[in-house]
Amino acid sequence: MLPHGDTAAILADLKVLSASGTLKVGTKVRNIRLIDGDHDIDGKIDGFGAMQLKSEYVRKVT
């Protein structure tokens, strides 16, 4: 379980539809918040800004 304010990492390359780029494996998602909905994690990614992600594509950074 990921708590609010934690840092997570991307598990698979993800194409970003609203930008011309891809989030690579291992990219850090900082200051996450758990939210309701299909995309249940809200966080900040350097170079992309605020993003909403599905929890199945992230893991906790140790």
Protein backbone atom coordinates (compact mmCIF):
# COMPACT_ATOMS: atom_id res chain seq x y z
CA MET A 1 0.00 0.00 0.00
CA LEU A 2 1.27 3.43 -0.90
CA PRO A 3 0.60 6.21 1.62
CA HIS A 4 -0.05 9.85 0.72
CA GLY A 5 3.14 11.83 0.07
CA ASP A 6 5.20 8.76 -0.84
CA THR A 7 7.32 8.28 -3.97
CA ALA A 8 6.59 5.56 -6.52
CA ALA A 9 8.28 4.32 -9.72
CA ILE A 10 6.77 3.43 -13.11
CA LEU A 11 6.81 -0.34 -13.89
CA ALA A 12 6.36 -0.22 -17.69
CA ASP A 13 6.88 2.27 -20.51
CA LEU A 14 3.71 4.37 -20.76
CA LYS A 15 2.77 6.51 -23.76
CA VAL A 16 1.36 9.86 -22.65
CA LEU A 17 -1.59 10.78 -24.87
CA SER A 18 -1.66 14.51 -24.16
CA ALA A 19 2.10 14.97 -24.71
CA SER A 20 4.59 13.82 -27.28
CA GLY A 21 6.55 11.54 -25.02
CA THR A 22 6.76 8.32 -23.09
CA LEU A 23 7.23 7.69 -19.40
CA LYS A 24 10.09 5.21 -19.09
CA VAL A 25 10.46 2.36 -16.61
CA GLY A 26 11.82 3.61 -13.30
CA THR A 27 10.56 7.19 -13.68
CA LYS A 28 9.76 8.55 -10.23
CA VAL A 29 6.31 9.85 -9.32
CA ARG A 30 6.69 12.21 -6.35
CA ASN A 31 4.23 13.28 -3.68
CA ILE A 32 1.48 10.83 -4.62
CA ARG A 33 -2.14 11.09 -3.45
CA LEU A 34 -4.67 8.28 -3.57
CA ILE A 35 -7.88 9.36 -5.31
CA ASP A 36 -11.16 7.72 -6.35
CA GLY A 37 -11.70 6.69 -9.94
CA ASP A 38 -10.12 4.61 -12.69
CA HIS A 39 -6.78 6.39 -12.38
CA ASP A 40 -6.32 6.13 -8.64
CA ILE A 41 -2.93 7.79 -8.07
CA ASP A 42 -2.25 11.50 -8.55
CA GLY A 43 1.36 12.68 -8.45
CA LYS A 44 4.05 14.84 -9.99
CA ILE A 45 6.60 13.71 -12.57
CA ASP A 46 9.64 15.83 -13.44
CA GLY A 47 9.37 17.00 -17.05
CA PHE A 48 5.66 16.17 -17.31
CA GLY A 49 4.04 17.84 -14.29
CA ALA A 50 0.93 16.54 -12.55
CA MET A 51 -0.30 13.14 -13.78
CA GLN A 52 -2.95 10.61 -12.84
CA LEU A 53 -1.91 6.96 -13.07
CA LYS A 54 -3.37 3.53 -12.42
CA SER A 55 -1.88 1.81 -9.39
CA GLU A 56 -1.09 -1.33 -11.42
CA TYR A 57 1.68 0.58 -13.23
CA VAL A 58 3.58 1.84 -10.19
CA ARG A 59 5.53 0.35 -7.28
CA LYS A 60 6.88 1.82 -4.07
CA VAL A 61 10.42 3.18 -4.18
CA THR A 62 12.52 1.81 -1.33
